[in-house]
């Protein structure tokens, strides 16, 4: 359990520093495989930990200290409503598992919805109660009426809150990119935001890790 806590502390410090696994490994002079193993809680050499700690500007002992300030290793995140269409449920589940593992409170319909409550009420209340909306964007997913309704509600909430920026768009294909987005005014509104590009992440572990780290960074409460 100690090693898993150590790995999670290293990962949190790395994300806070704005470094990908690949970049931190390169700067520290260690293999990305060893760094990934360290973050997963595997037993790696103290030399790897020392080099990583030097780059992250923290003593290796701090990662082991049971009395280290909790705030230094327990980030606070905005809560998330996951909005997606049926074709993207598998990706939504994977993102849900990543975010909840990192400590983000998420609304993911198959897990969070309470049986017996009207569907419209369930979704409307969740959109109001959660801090941010992570919108999974694919050609097939955005055509689903439920997603369109959720998007309409969150845009209305943004307007009510004086132009708040609540939506984090996640691109799963090319639907948000200029030639496509320009054909639809709602997509054009989403396209005006910085997009989390997951188009290559489903088949590339490093791209996936980088995308999740950026999502966590965007959700971090300072």
C-alpha atoms as a PDB file:
ATOM      1  CA  UNK A   1       0.000   0.000   0.000  1.00  0.00           C
ATOM      2  CA  UNK A   2       2.913   2.324   0.767  1.00  0.00           C
ATOM      3  CA  UNK A   3       4.296   1.904  -2.749  1.00  0.00           C
ATOM      4  CA  UNK A   4       0.943   2.648  -4.347  1.00  0.00           C
ATOM      5  CA  UNK A   5       0.647   5.815  -2.267  1.00  0.00           C
ATOM      6  CA  UNK A   6       4.175   6.750  -3.319  1.00  0.00           C
ATOM      7  CA  UNK A   7       3.342   6.291  -6.996  1.00  0.00           C
ATOM      8  CA  UNK A   8       0.188   8.377  -6.724  1.00  0.00           C
ATOM      9  CA  UNK A   9       2.114  11.160  -4.981  1.00  0.00           C
ATOM     10  CA  UNK A  10       4.697  11.199  -7.767  1.00  0.00           C
ATOM     11  CA  UNK A  11       1.971  11.322 -10.423  1.00  0.00           C
ATOM     12  CA  UNK A  12       0.175  14.216  -8.692  1.00  0.00           C
ATOM     13  CA  UNK A  13       3.398  16.213  -8.370  1.00  0.00           C
ATOM     14  CA  UNK A  14       4.194  15.560 -12.046  1.00  0.00           C
ATOM     15  CA  UNK A  15       0.751  16.680 -13.244  1.00  0.00           C
ATOM     16  CA  UNK A  16       0.982  19.814 -11.096  1.00  0.00           C
ATOM     17  CA  UNK A  17       4.316  20.582 -12.740  1.00  0.00           C
ATOM     18  CA  UNK A  18       2.672  20.350 -16.168  1.00  0.00           C
ATOM     19  CA  UNK A  19       4.883  17.477 -17.307  1.00  0.00           C
ATOM     20  CA  UNK A  20       3.910  14.414 -19.298  1.00  0.00           C
ATOM     21  CA  UNK A  21       5.426  11.072 -18.347  1.00  0.00           C
ATOM     22  CA  UNK A  22       7.564  11.172 -21.491  1.00  0.00           C
ATOM     23  CA  UNK A  23       8.913  14.674 -20.795  1.00  0.00           C
ATOM     24  CA  UNK A  24       9.639  14.007 -17.112  1.00  0.00           C
ATOM     25  CA  UNK A  25      11.411  10.758 -17.979  1.00  0.00           C
ATOM     26  CA  UNK A  26      13.496  12.535 -20.607  1.00  0.00           C
ATOM     27  CA  UNK A  27      14.516  15.388 -18.270  1.00  0.00           C
ATOM     28  CA  UNK A  28      15.241  13.014 -15.382  1.00  0.00           C
ATOM     29  CA  UNK A  29      17.271  10.663 -17.557  1.00  0.00           C
ATOM     30  CA  UNK A  30      15.171   7.594 -16.780  1.00  0.00           C
ATOM     31  CA  UNK A  31      13.159   5.351 -19.057  1.00  0.00           C
ATOM     32  CA  UNK A  32       9.476   6.098 -19.473  1.00  0.00           C
ATOM     33  CA  UNK A  33       8.808   2.448 -18.634  1.00  0.00           C
ATOM     34  CA  UNK A  34      10.467   2.879 -15.235  1.00  0.00           C
ATOM     35  CA  UNK A  35       8.600   6.112 -14.551  1.00  0.00           C
ATOM     36  CA  UNK A  36       5.275   4.514 -15.495  1.00  0.00           C
ATOM     37  CA  UNK A  37       6.067   1.595 -13.193  1.00  0.00           C
ATOM     38  CA  UNK A  38       6.901   4.000 -10.355  1.00  0.00           C
ATOM     39  CA  UNK A  39       3.575   5.826 -10.752  1.00  0.00           C
ATOM     40  CA  UNK A  40       1.709   2.502 -10.766  1.00  0.00           C
ATOM     41  CA  UNK A  41       3.302   1.517  -7.460  1.00  0.00           C
ATOM     42  CA  UNK A  42       5.824  -0.998  -8.748  1.00  0.00           C
ATOM     43  CA  UNK A  43       9.120  -1.518  -6.956  1.00  0.00           C
ATOM     44  CA  UNK A  44      11.740   0.515  -8.842  1.00  0.00           C
ATOM     45  CA  UNK A  45      15.230   1.566  -7.860  1.00  0.00           C
ATOM     46  CA  UNK A  46      15.840   4.486  -5.516  1.00  0.00           C
ATOM     47  CA  UNK A  47      18.020   6.014  -8.242  1.00  0.00           C
ATOM     48  CA  UNK A  48      14.948   6.402 -10.454  1.00  0.00           C
ATOM     49  CA  UNK A  49      13.035   8.035  -7.577  1.00  0.00           C
ATOM     50  CA  UNK A  50      15.999  10.322  -6.807  1.00  0.00           C
ATOM     51  CA  UNK A  51      16.282  11.542 -10.399  1.00  0.00           C
ATOM     52  CA  UNK A  52      12.537  12.100 -10.683  1.00  0.00           C
ATOM     53  CA  UNK A  53      12.464  13.894  -7.319  1.00  0.00           C
ATOM     54  CA  UNK A  54      15.258  16.236  -8.375  1.00  0.00           C
ATOM     55  CA  UNK A  55      13.286  17.338 -11.448  1.00  0.00           C
ATOM     56  CA  UNK A  56      10.101  17.764  -9.384  1.00  0.00           C
ATOM     57  CA  UNK A  57      12.059  19.809  -6.828  1.00  0.00           C
ATOM     58  CA  UNK A  58      11.159  17.694  -3.813  1.00  0.00           C
ATOM     59  CA  UNK A  59      13.114  15.403  -1.520  1.00  0.00           C
ATOM     60  CA  UNK A  60      12.593  11.670  -2.145  1.00  0.00           C
ATOM     61  CA  UNK A  61      11.848  11.289   1.560  1.00  0.00           C
ATOM     62  CA  UNK A  62       8.806  13.547   1.171  1.00  0.00           C
ATOM     63  CA  UNK A  63       7.096  10.948  -1.000  1.00  0.00           C
ATOM     64  CA  UNK A  64       7.438   8.396   1.806  1.00  0.00           C
ATOM     65  CA  UNK A  65       6.647  10.668   4.752  1.00  0.00           C
ATOM     66  CA  UNK A  66       3.420   9.667   6.487  1.00  0.00           C
ATOM     67  CA  UNK A  67       3.206  13.129   8.041  1.00  0.00           C
ATOM     68  CA  UNK A  68       3.720  15.060   4.794  1.00  0.00           C
ATOM     69  CA  UNK A  69       1.118  17.846   4.423  1.00  0.00           C
ATOM     70  CA  UNK A  70      -1.959  16.216   2.926  1.00  0.00           C
ATOM     71  CA  UNK A  71      -2.653  19.258   0.752  1.00  0.00           C
ATOM     72  CA  UNK A  72       0.657  18.727  -1.041  1.00  0.00           C
ATOM     73  CA  UNK A  73      -0.491  15.384  -2.412  1.00  0.00           C
ATOM     74  CA  UNK A  74      -4.279  15.524  -2.368  1.00  0.00           C
ATOM     75  CA  UNK A  75      -5.404  17.968  -5.043  1.00  0.00           C
ATOM     76  CA  UNK A  76      -8.928  19.322  -5.084  1.00  0.00           C
ATOM     77  CA  UNK A  77     -10.796  18.921  -8.345  1.00  0.00           C
ATOM     78  CA  UNK A  78     -13.972  20.400  -9.723  1.00  0.00           C
ATOM     79  CA  UNK A  79     -16.735  17.803  -9.996  1.00  0.00           C
ATOM     80  CA  UNK A  80     -17.661  16.524 -13.472  1.00  0.00           C
ATOM     81  CA  UNK A  81     -20.811  15.637 -15.379  1.00  0.00           C
ATOM     82  CA  UNK A  82     -19.878  13.275 -18.220  1.00  0.00           C
ATOM     83  CA  UNK A  83     -21.963  14.011 -21.298  1.00  0.00           C
ATOM     84  CA  UNK A  84     -21.804  11.523 -24.171  1.00  0.00           C
ATOM     85  CA  UNK A  85     -23.865   9.635 -26.705  1.00  0.00           C
ATOM     86  CA  UNK A  86     -24.461   5.896 -26.620  1.00  0.00           C
ATOM     87  CA  UNK A  87     -21.772   5.101 -29.223  1.00  0.00           C
ATOM     88  CA  UNK A  88     -19.157   6.635 -26.892  1.00  0.00           C
ATOM     89  CA  UNK A  89     -20.152   4.912 -23.646  1.00  0.00           C
ATOM     90  CA  UNK A  90     -17.066   2.688 -23.549  1.00  0.00           C
ATOM     91  CA  UNK A  91     -14.772   5.729 -23.790  1.00  0.00           C
ATOM     92  CA  UNK A  92     -16.884   7.587 -21.221  1.00  0.00           C
ATOM     93  CA  UNK A  93     -16.527   4.660 -18.801  1.00  0.00           C
ATOM     94  CA  UNK A  94     -12.776   4.618 -19.268  1.00  0.00           C
ATOM     95  CA  UNK A  95     -12.528   8.367 -18.608  1.00  0.00           C
ATOM     96  CA  UNK A  96     -14.856   7.991 -15.607  1.00  0.00           C
ATOM     97  CA  UNK A  97     -12.585   5.319 -14.129  1.00  0.00           C
ATOM     98  CA  UNK A  98      -9.480   7.475 -14.671  1.00  0.00           C
ATOM     99  CA  UNK A  99     -11.037  10.584 -13.130  1.00  0.00           C
ATOM    100  CA  UNK A 100     -12.553   8.824 -10.126  1.00  0.00           C
ATOM    101  CA  UNK A 101      -9.246   7.063  -9.458  1.00  0.00           C
ATOM    102  CA  UNK A 102      -7.625  10.508  -9.298  1.00  0.00           C
ATOM    103  CA  UNK A 103     -10.271  11.700  -6.814  1.00  0.00           C
ATOM    104  CA  UNK A 104     -12.667  13.547  -9.120  1.00  0.00           C
ATOM    105  CA  UNK A 105     -16.367  13.268  -8.214  1.00  0.00           C
ATOM    106  CA  UNK A 106     -18.156  12.333 -11.436  1.00  0.00           C
ATOM    107  CA  UNK A 107     -21.683  11.840 -12.703  1.00  0.00           C
ATOM    108  CA  UNK A 108     -21.597   8.875 -15.088  1.00  0.00           C
ATOM    109  CA  UNK A 109     -25.118   7.759 -15.897  1.00  0.00           C
ATOM    110  CA  UNK A 110     -24.746   3.947 -15.626  1.00  0.00           C
ATOM    111  CA  UNK A 111     -23.180   4.329 -12.176  1.00  0.00           C
ATOM    112  CA  UNK A 112     -24.673   7.541 -10.787  1.00  0.00           C
ATOM    113  CA  UNK A 113     -28.327   7.595 -11.912  1.00  0.00           C
ATOM    114  CA  UNK A 114     -30.858   6.513  -9.279  1.00  0.00           C
ATOM    115  CA  UNK A 115     -33.512   4.059 -10.529  1.00  0.00           C
ATOM    116  CA  UNK A 116     -37.067   5.368 -10.381  1.00  0.00           C
ATOM    117  CA  UNK A 117     -36.205   9.055 -10.839  1.00  0.00           C
ATOM    118  CA  UNK A 118     -37.475  10.588 -14.074  1.00  0.00           C
ATOM    119  CA  UNK A 119     -34.754  10.697 -16.697  1.00  0.00           C
ATOM    120  CA  UNK A 120     -35.185  14.399 -17.523  1.00  0.00           C
ATOM    121  CA  UNK A 121     -35.036  15.353 -13.855  1.00  0.00           C
ATOM    122  CA  UNK A 122     -31.956  13.180 -13.272  1.00  0.00           C
ATOM    123  CA  UNK A 123     -29.981  14.805 -16.062  1.00  0.00           C
ATOM    124  CA  UNK A 124     -31.173  18.365 -15.440  1.00  0.00           C
ATOM    125  CA  UNK A 125     -30.328  18.254 -11.735  1.00  0.00           C
ATOM    126  CA  UNK A 126     -26.912  16.700 -12.342  1.00  0.00           C
ATOM    127  CA  UNK A 127     -26.009  19.357 -14.922  1.00  0.00           C
ATOM    128  CA  UNK A 128     -26.851  21.993 -12.310  1.00  0.00           C
ATOM    129  CA  UNK A 129     -25.118  20.266  -9.400  1.00  0.00           C
ATOM    130  CA  UNK A 130     -21.761  19.368 -10.955  1.00  0.00           C
ATOM    131  CA  UNK A 131     -19.090  22.000 -11.551  1.00  0.00           C
ATOM    132  CA  UNK A 132     -17.972  21.176 -15.086  1.00  0.00           C
ATOM    133  CA  UNK A 133     -19.288  19.222 -18.074  1.00  0.00           C
ATOM    134  CA  UNK A 134     -16.847  17.000 -19.946  1.00  0.00           C
ATOM    135  CA  UNK A 135     -18.489  16.668 -23.362  1.00  0.00           C
ATOM    136  CA  UNK A 136     -17.371  13.706 -25.461  1.00  0.00           C
ATOM    137  CA  UNK A 137     -17.596  14.752 -29.095  1.00  0.00           C
ATOM    138  CA  UNK A 138     -17.905  12.328 -31.975  1.00  0.00           C
ATOM    139  CA  UNK A 139     -19.972  12.497 -35.156  1.00  0.00           C
ATOM    140  CA  UNK A 140     -22.254   9.679 -33.976  1.00  0.00           C
ATOM    141  CA  UNK A 141     -22.433  10.755 -30.335  1.00  0.00           C
ATOM    142  CA  UNK A 142     -23.391  14.369 -30.957  1.00  0.00           C
ATOM    143  CA  UNK A 143     -26.321  13.269 -33.101  1.00  0.00           C
ATOM    144  CA  UNK A 144     -28.035  11.697 -30.114  1.00  0.00           C
ATOM    145  CA  UNK A 145     -31.006  13.781 -28.844  1.00  0.00           C
ATOM    146  CA  UNK A 146     -29.946  13.319 -25.234  1.00  0.00           C
ATOM    147  CA  UNK A 147     -26.558  14.916 -25.855  1.00  0.00           C
ATOM    148  CA  UNK A 148     -28.151  17.832 -27.709  1.00  0.00           C
ATOM    149  CA  UNK A 149     -30.500  18.384 -24.768  1.00  0.00           C
ATOM    150  CA  UNK A 150     -27.660  18.278 -22.241  1.00  0.00           C
ATOM    151  CA  UNK A 151     -25.616  20.699 -24.319  1.00  0.00           C
ATOM    152  CA  UNK A 152     -28.553  23.096 -24.571  1.00  0.00           C
ATOM    153  CA  UNK A 153     -28.985  23.024 -20.789  1.00  0.00           C
ATOM    154  CA  UNK A 154     -25.339  23.617 -19.988  1.00  0.00           C
ATOM    155  CA  UNK A 155     -25.102  26.487 -22.493  1.00  0.00           C
ATOM    156  CA  UNK A 156     -28.127  28.037 -20.793  1.00  0.00           C
ATOM    157  CA  UNK A 157     -26.428  27.621 -17.416  1.00  0.00           C
ATOM    158  CA  UNK A 158     -23.270  29.284 -18.742  1.00  0.00           C
ATOM    159  CA  UNK A 159     -25.350  32.261 -19.897  1.00  0.00           C
ATOM    160  CA  UNK A 160     -27.136  32.468 -16.528  1.00  0.00           C
ATOM    161  CA  UNK A 161     -23.776  32.466 -14.750  1.00  0.00           C
ATOM    162  CA  UNK A 162     -22.503  35.424 -16.733  1.00  0.00           C
ATOM    163  CA  UNK A 163     -20.597  33.630 -19.446  1.00  0.00           C
ATOM    164  CA  UNK A 164     -19.068  30.925 -17.251  1.00  0.00           C
ATOM    165  CA  UNK A 165     -16.883  28.374 -19.029  1.00  0.00           C
ATOM    166  CA  UNK A 166     -18.292  25.044 -17.883  1.00  0.00           C
ATOM    167  CA  UNK A 167     -17.829  22.800 -20.919  1.00  0.00           C
ATOM    168  CA  UNK A 168     -14.619  20.900 -21.572  1.00  0.00           C
ATOM    169  CA  UNK A 169     -14.922  19.440 -25.099  1.00  0.00           C
ATOM    170  CA  UNK A 170     -13.138  16.156 -25.750  1.00  0.00           C
ATOM    171  CA  UNK A 171     -12.637  15.348 -29.447  1.00  0.00           C
ATOM    172  CA  UNK A 172     -12.904  11.660 -30.309  1.00  0.00           C
ATOM    173  CA  UNK A 173     -12.945  12.235 -34.078  1.00  0.00           C
ATOM    174  CA  UNK A 174     -12.854  15.194 -36.483  1.00  0.00           C
ATOM    175  CA  UNK A 175     -16.378  16.493 -35.796  1.00  0.00           C
ATOM    176  CA  UNK A 176     -15.165  19.626 -33.967  1.00  0.00           C
ATOM    177  CA  UNK A 177     -12.547  20.620 -36.452  1.00  0.00           C
ATOM    178  CA  UNK A 178     -13.131  23.555 -38.779  1.00  0.00           C
ATOM    179  CA  UNK A 179     -14.531  22.016 -41.936  1.00  0.00           C
ATOM    180  CA  UNK A 180     -17.148  20.095 -39.958  1.00  0.00           C
ATOM    181  CA  UNK A 181     -17.844  22.464 -37.077  1.00  0.00           C
ATOM    182  CA  UNK A 182     -18.523  25.422 -39.339  1.00  0.00           C
ATOM    183  CA  UNK A 183     -21.649  23.693 -40.631  1.00  0.00           C
ATOM    184  CA  UNK A 184     -23.435  23.850 -37.290  1.00  0.00           C
ATOM    185  CA  UNK A 185     -23.677  26.893 -35.012  1.00  0.00           C
ATOM    186  CA  UNK A 186     -23.664  24.848 -31.777  1.00  0.00           C
ATOM    187  CA  UNK A 187     -20.531  22.998 -32.821  1.00  0.00           C
ATOM    188  CA  UNK A 188     -19.010  26.334 -33.752  1.00  0.00           C
ATOM    189  CA  UNK A 189     -19.621  27.529 -30.168  1.00  0.00           C
ATOM    190  CA  UNK A 190     -17.847  24.481 -28.786  1.00  0.00           C
ATOM    191  CA  UNK A 191     -15.033  24.879 -31.299  1.00  0.00           C
ATOM    192  CA  UNK A 192     -14.232  28.311 -29.861  1.00  0.00           C
ATOM    193  CA  UNK A 193     -12.947  26.588 -26.718  1.00  0.00           C
ATOM    194  CA  UNK A 194      -9.655  24.802 -26.180  1.00  0.00           C
ATOM    195  CA  UNK A 195     -10.340  21.181 -27.118  1.00  0.00           C
ATOM    196  CA  UNK A 196      -8.927  18.113 -25.395  1.00  0.00           C
ATOM    197  CA  UNK A 197      -7.789  16.115 -28.409  1.00  0.00           C
ATOM    198  CA  UNK A 198      -8.308  12.396 -27.796  1.00  0.00           C
ATOM    199  CA  UNK A 199      -8.429  11.437 -31.485  1.00  0.00           C
ATOM    200  CA  UNK A 200      -5.288   9.307 -31.242  1.00  0.00           C
ATOM    201  CA  UNK A 201      -5.611   8.440 -27.569  1.00  0.00           C
ATOM    202  CA  UNK A 202      -7.782   5.362 -27.958  1.00  0.00           C
ATOM    203  CA  UNK A 203      -5.001   3.507 -29.744  1.00  0.00           C
ATOM    204  CA  UNK A 204      -1.962   5.191 -28.175  1.00  0.00           C
ATOM    205  CA  UNK A 205      -1.283   4.729 -24.458  1.00  0.00           C
ATOM    206  CA  UNK A 206       1.002   7.745 -24.228  1.00  0.00           C
ATOM    207  CA  UNK A 207      -1.549   9.993 -25.948  1.00  0.00           C
ATOM    208  CA  UNK A 208      -4.234   8.668 -23.591  1.00  0.00           C
ATOM    209  CA  UNK A 209      -2.124   9.373 -20.505  1.00  0.00           C
ATOM    210  CA  UNK A 210      -1.313  12.847 -21.802  1.00  0.00           C
ATOM    211  CA  UNK A 211      -5.003  13.562 -22.446  1.00  0.00           C
ATOM    212  CA  UNK A 212      -6.062  12.414 -18.973  1.00  0.00           C
ATOM    213  CA  UNK A 213      -3.327  14.495 -17.360  1.00  0.00           C
ATOM    214  CA  UNK A 214      -4.547  17.584 -19.237  1.00  0.00           C
ATOM    215  CA  UNK A 215      -8.129  16.915 -18.169  1.00  0.00           C
ATOM    216  CA  UNK A 216      -7.024  16.658 -14.546  1.00  0.00           C
ATOM    217  CA  UNK A 217      -5.038  19.865 -14.875  1.00  0.00           C
ATOM    218  CA  UNK A 218      -8.096  21.668 -16.251  1.00  0.00           C
ATOM    219  CA  UNK A 219     -10.182  20.411 -13.309  1.00  0.00           C
ATOM    220  CA  UNK A 220      -7.681  21.287 -10.625  1.00  0.00           C
ATOM    221  CA  UNK A 221      -8.951  23.825  -8.085  1.00  0.00           C
ATOM    222  CA  UNK A 222      -6.223  26.231  -7.090  1.00  0.00           C
END
